[in-house]
N, C-alpha and C. Protein backbone atom coordinates (compact mmCIF):
# COMPACT_ATOMS: atom_id res chain seq x y z
N MET A 1 57.75 177.40 56.95
CA MET A 1 57.34 176.91 55.45
C MET A 1 59.09 177.34 54.86
N VAL A 2 59.87 176.07 54.46
CA VAL A 2 61.41 176.51 53.79
C VAL A 2 60.94 175.48 52.46
N GLU A 3 61.68 176.22 51.60
CA GLU A 3 61.78 175.64 50.41
C GLU A 3 63.28 175.91 50.06
N ALA A 4 63.80 174.68 49.53
CA ALA A 4 65.13 174.38 49.35
C ALA A 4 65.42 174.07 47.70
N PHE A 5 66.66 174.40 47.22
CA PHE A 5 66.84 174.27 45.76
C PHE A 5 68.59 174.35 45.90
N GLU A 6 68.82 173.69 44.54
CA GLU A 6 70.14 173.38 44.50
C GLU A 6 70.34 174.18 42.98
N ILE A 7 71.76 174.95 43.01
CA ILE A 7 72.38 175.62 42.07
C ILE A 7 73.01 174.58 41.14
N ASP A 8 72.15 174.24 40.08
CA ASP A 8 73.03 173.15 39.05
C ASP A 8 74.08 174.03 38.11
N SER A 9 74.43 173.15 36.86
CA SER A 9 75.66 173.95 36.41
C SER A 9 75.33 174.92 35.29
N GLN A 10 74.25 175.16 35.27
CA GLN A 10 73.52 175.95 34.43
C GLN A 10 73.24 177.09 34.85
N ALA A 11 73.27 177.71 36.57
CA ALA A 11 72.81 178.37 37.37
C ALA A 11 71.33 178.69 37.42
N LYS A 12 70.94 177.76 37.43
CA LYS A 12 69.36 177.55 37.55
C LYS A 12 69.18 176.66 39.05
N MET A 13 67.67 177.30 39.68
CA MET A 13 67.74 176.89 40.78
C MET A 13 66.89 175.44 40.40
N VAL A 14 67.16 174.29 41.11
CA VAL A 14 66.42 173.10 41.27
C VAL A 14 65.85 172.83 42.38
N GLU A 15 64.32 172.74 42.27
CA GLU A 15 64.03 172.67 43.59
C GLU A 15 64.00 171.16 44.08
N SER A 16 64.12 171.36 45.65
CA SER A 16 64.23 169.92 45.91
C SER A 16 63.16 168.96 45.67
N ARG A 17 63.24 167.49 45.60
CA ARG A 17 61.62 166.89 45.21
C ARG A 17 61.83 166.17 46.56
N SER A 18 62.42 166.23 47.40
CA SER A 18 62.41 165.44 48.88
C SER A 18 62.44 166.23 49.84
N LYS A 19 61.57 165.43 50.68
CA LYS A 19 61.93 166.02 52.11
C LYS A 19 62.75 166.53 53.15
N ILE A 20 63.64 166.09 52.16
CA ILE A 20 65.21 165.83 53.49
C ILE A 20 66.16 166.53 52.03
N VAL A 21 67.04 167.65 52.27
CA VAL A 21 67.52 167.67 51.45
C VAL A 21 69.45 167.51 51.77
N GLU A 22 69.69 166.67 51.22
CA GLU A 22 71.21 166.07 51.21
C GLU A 22 72.11 167.33 51.22
N ILE A 23 73.17 167.68 52.17
CA ILE A 23 74.09 168.88 52.59
C ILE A 23 75.34 167.66 51.71
N ASP A 24 75.72 168.52 50.48
CA ASP A 24 77.07 167.76 49.91
C ASP A 24 78.05 169.01 49.50
N THR A 25 79.42 168.64 50.24
CA THR A 25 80.40 169.56 50.09
C THR A 25 80.44 169.91 48.40
N ASN A 26 80.15 169.24 47.52
CA ASN A 26 79.99 169.60 46.43
C ASN A 26 79.16 170.85 45.80
N LYS A 27 78.06 170.75 46.47
CA LYS A 27 76.98 171.83 45.92
C LYS A 27 76.78 172.94 46.67
N VAL A 28 76.08 173.78 46.08
CA VAL A 28 75.55 174.93 46.30
C VAL A 28 73.94 175.25 46.51
N LEU A 29 73.63 175.30 47.78
CA LEU A 29 72.23 175.25 47.94
C LEU A 29 71.75 176.77 48.69
N VAL A 30 70.29 177.18 48.21
CA VAL A 30 69.60 177.91 48.90
C VAL A 30 68.26 177.45 49.30
N PHE A 31 68.27 177.86 50.64
CA PHE A 31 66.92 177.54 51.59
C PHE A 31 66.35 179.00 51.72
N VAL A 32 64.63 178.95 51.57
CA VAL A 32 64.27 179.94 51.84
C VAL A 32 63.27 179.98 52.74
N ASP A 33 63.59 180.29 53.90
CA ASP A 33 63.33 180.08 55.48
C ASP A 33 61.89 181.36 55.42
N HIS A 34 60.62 180.66 55.20
CA HIS A 34 59.26 181.96 54.84
C HIS A 34 58.96 182.51 56.46
N ASP A 35 58.85 181.81 57.42
CA ASP A 35 59.18 181.96 59.00
C ASP A 35 60.04 182.89 59.40
N ALA A 36 61.20 182.61 59.02
CA ALA A 36 62.07 183.55 59.87
C ALA A 36 62.70 184.39 58.38
N LYS A 37 61.68 184.49 57.42
CA LYS A 37 62.09 185.66 56.31
C LYS A 37 63.87 185.66 55.95
N THR A 38 64.15 184.78 55.65
CA THR A 38 65.61 184.67 55.29
C THR A 38 65.68 183.56 54.41
N VAL A 39 66.84 184.07 53.66
CA VAL A 39 67.38 183.15 52.43
C VAL A 39 68.32 183.11 52.75
N TYR A 40 69.23 181.54 53.03
CA TYR A 40 70.46 180.85 53.06
C TYR A 40 70.91 180.44 52.22
N LEU A 41 72.11 180.94 51.73
CA LEU A 41 73.07 180.62 50.63
C LEU A 41 73.86 179.91 51.01
N TRP A 42 73.71 178.89 50.92
CA TRP A 42 75.51 177.89 51.19
C TRP A 42 75.87 177.20 50.44
N ARG A 43 77.30 177.68 50.65
CA ARG A 43 78.25 176.97 49.74
C ARG A 43 79.09 175.97 50.30
N GLY A 44 79.13 174.78 49.61
CA GLY A 44 79.98 173.60 50.35
C GLY A 44 81.60 174.12 49.81
N LYS A 45 82.24 173.24 50.41
CA LYS A 45 83.99 173.85 50.28
C LYS A 45 84.52 173.21 49.04
N ASN A 46 83.79 172.55 48.37
CA ASN A 46 84.10 171.54 47.27
C ASN A 46 83.37 172.21 45.98
N ALA A 47 82.31 173.01 46.20
CA ALA A 47 81.71 173.36 45.27
C ALA A 47 82.73 174.58 43.92
N ASP A 48 82.44 174.39 42.76
CA ASP A 48 83.45 175.01 42.24
C ASP A 48 83.14 176.70 41.96
N ILE A 49 83.78 177.39 41.65
CA ILE A 49 83.66 178.77 41.77
C ILE A 49 82.57 179.37 41.14
N PHE A 50 82.05 178.99 39.79
CA PHE A 50 80.91 179.15 39.09
C PHE A 50 79.51 178.95 39.70
N LYS A 51 79.40 177.69 40.15
CA LYS A 51 78.43 177.54 41.17
C LYS A 51 78.09 178.50 42.47
N LYS A 52 79.27 178.98 42.96
CA LYS A 52 79.43 180.09 44.22
C LYS A 52 78.67 180.85 43.76
N LEU A 53 79.48 181.46 42.47
CA LEU A 53 79.11 182.89 41.96
C LEU A 53 77.65 183.02 41.50
N MET A 54 77.20 181.81 40.87
CA MET A 54 75.69 181.70 40.49
C MET A 54 74.76 181.68 41.35
N GLY A 55 75.35 181.01 42.55
CA GLY A 55 74.41 181.05 43.89
C GLY A 55 74.45 182.42 44.49
N THR A 56 75.41 183.39 44.71
CA THR A 56 75.47 184.68 44.79
C THR A 56 74.32 185.79 43.67
N ARG A 57 74.17 185.15 42.68
CA ARG A 57 73.35 185.71 41.66
C ARG A 57 72.21 185.50 42.20
N VAL A 58 71.79 184.31 42.42
CA VAL A 58 70.49 183.63 42.65
C VAL A 58 69.97 184.55 43.70
N ALA A 59 70.62 184.25 44.90
CA ALA A 59 70.16 185.03 46.22
C ALA A 59 69.76 186.25 45.91
N ALA A 60 70.70 187.04 45.01
CA ALA A 60 70.37 188.76 44.70
C ALA A 60 68.97 188.65 44.23
N LYS A 61 68.91 187.55 42.67
CA LYS A 61 67.54 187.96 42.25
C LYS A 61 66.50 187.60 43.41
N LEU A 62 66.64 186.75 44.30
CA LEU A 62 65.49 186.28 45.27
C LEU A 62 64.86 187.41 46.55
N SER A 63 65.96 188.41 46.88
CA SER A 63 65.70 189.36 47.03
C SER A 63 64.67 190.31 46.68
N HIS A 64 64.74 190.31 45.25
CA HIS A 64 63.97 191.15 44.57
C HIS A 64 62.31 190.59 44.57
N SER A 65 62.38 189.34 44.72
CA SER A 65 60.92 188.47 45.03
C SER A 65 60.27 189.00 46.47
N TYR A 66 61.24 188.79 47.38
CA TYR A 66 61.58 188.75 48.96
C TYR A 66 61.93 190.01 49.41
N PRO A 67 61.82 191.33 49.35
CA PRO A 67 62.50 192.37 49.48
C PRO A 67 62.61 192.64 50.89
N ASP A 68 61.44 191.64 51.81
CA ASP A 68 61.79 191.82 53.21
C ASP A 68 62.67 190.76 54.11
N TYR A 69 63.19 189.67 53.23
CA TYR A 69 63.93 188.82 53.81
C TYR A 69 65.43 189.24 53.72
N ARG A 70 66.27 188.61 54.81
CA ARG A 70 67.59 188.46 54.97
C ARG A 70 68.23 187.72 53.78
N ILE A 71 69.38 187.74 53.55
CA ILE A 71 70.24 186.84 52.42
C ILE A 71 71.39 186.88 53.57
N ARG A 72 71.64 185.52 54.09
CA ARG A 72 72.76 184.83 54.66
C ARG A 72 73.51 183.95 53.78
N PRO A 73 74.48 184.54 53.32
CA PRO A 73 75.45 183.49 52.91
C PRO A 73 76.52 182.46 53.81
N ILE A 74 76.67 180.90 53.93
CA ILE A 74 76.92 180.34 54.69
C ILE A 74 78.09 179.70 54.12
N SER A 75 79.46 179.43 54.47
CA SER A 75 80.29 178.29 54.02
C SER A 75 80.24 177.39 54.68
N GLU A 76 80.16 176.23 53.99
CA GLU A 76 80.36 174.74 55.06
C GLU A 76 81.71 175.07 55.92
N GLY A 77 81.07 174.49 57.17
CA GLY A 77 82.09 174.64 58.32
C GLY A 77 81.91 175.56 59.06
N SER A 78 81.08 176.44 58.54
CA SER A 78 80.68 178.09 59.54
C SER A 78 79.24 178.36 59.57
N GLU A 79 78.58 176.99 59.68
CA GLU A 79 76.94 177.11 60.13
C GLU A 79 76.80 177.56 61.07
N PRO A 80 75.72 178.40 61.36
CA PRO A 80 75.07 178.84 62.58
C PRO A 80 73.91 177.85 62.98
N ALA A 81 73.92 177.99 64.50
CA ALA A 81 73.27 177.11 65.18
C ALA A 81 71.59 177.17 64.36
N SER A 82 71.15 178.30 63.98
CA SER A 82 69.85 178.51 63.19
C SER A 82 69.77 177.66 62.11
N PHE A 83 70.35 177.60 61.21
CA PHE A 83 70.78 176.94 59.86
C PHE A 83 70.71 175.20 59.92
N LYS A 84 71.40 175.38 61.19
CA LYS A 84 71.49 173.52 61.75
C LYS A 84 70.37 173.04 62.09
N HIS A 85 69.44 174.01 63.03
CA HIS A 85 68.31 173.14 62.99
C HIS A 85 67.17 173.04 62.19
N LEU A 86 67.46 174.17 61.09
CA LEU A 86 66.55 174.67 59.76
C LEU A 86 66.82 173.11 59.03
N ILE A 87 67.77 172.82 58.65
CA ILE A 87 68.21 171.62 57.89
C ILE A 87 67.86 170.40 58.67
N GLY A 88 67.66 170.31 59.84
CA GLY A 88 67.34 169.27 60.54
C GLY A 88 65.87 168.88 60.60
N GLN A 89 65.22 170.17 60.16
CA GLN A 89 63.75 169.54 59.60
C GLN A 89 63.29 169.00 58.84
N LYS A 90 62.36 168.93 58.66
CA LYS A 90 61.48 168.24 57.34
C LYS A 90 61.21 169.51 56.61
N LEU A 91 61.07 169.29 55.17
CA LEU A 91 61.08 170.67 54.18
C LEU A 91 59.42 170.57 53.89
N LYS A 92 58.98 171.52 53.54
CA LYS A 92 57.89 171.84 52.81
C LYS A 92 56.94 170.48 52.36
């Protein structure tokens, strides 16, 4: 199961209401992959620095809720194959 969130301009996680999350160069996104016990923090190239910083803080807070999950920060253009596969799937 995968949950997807966008970091908004107020540093809050906004849960995706869609089964498909749109990857946008201006966004910072968080994907919680419960099967792989991984929190992916994806940062678009054109996302503002505040959102990137807030994304890092959100991921750190999630590590308290999921202490046995790995946090994997990912910059746009440097996505590993496992992440590309993950976003190609339908979400929760």
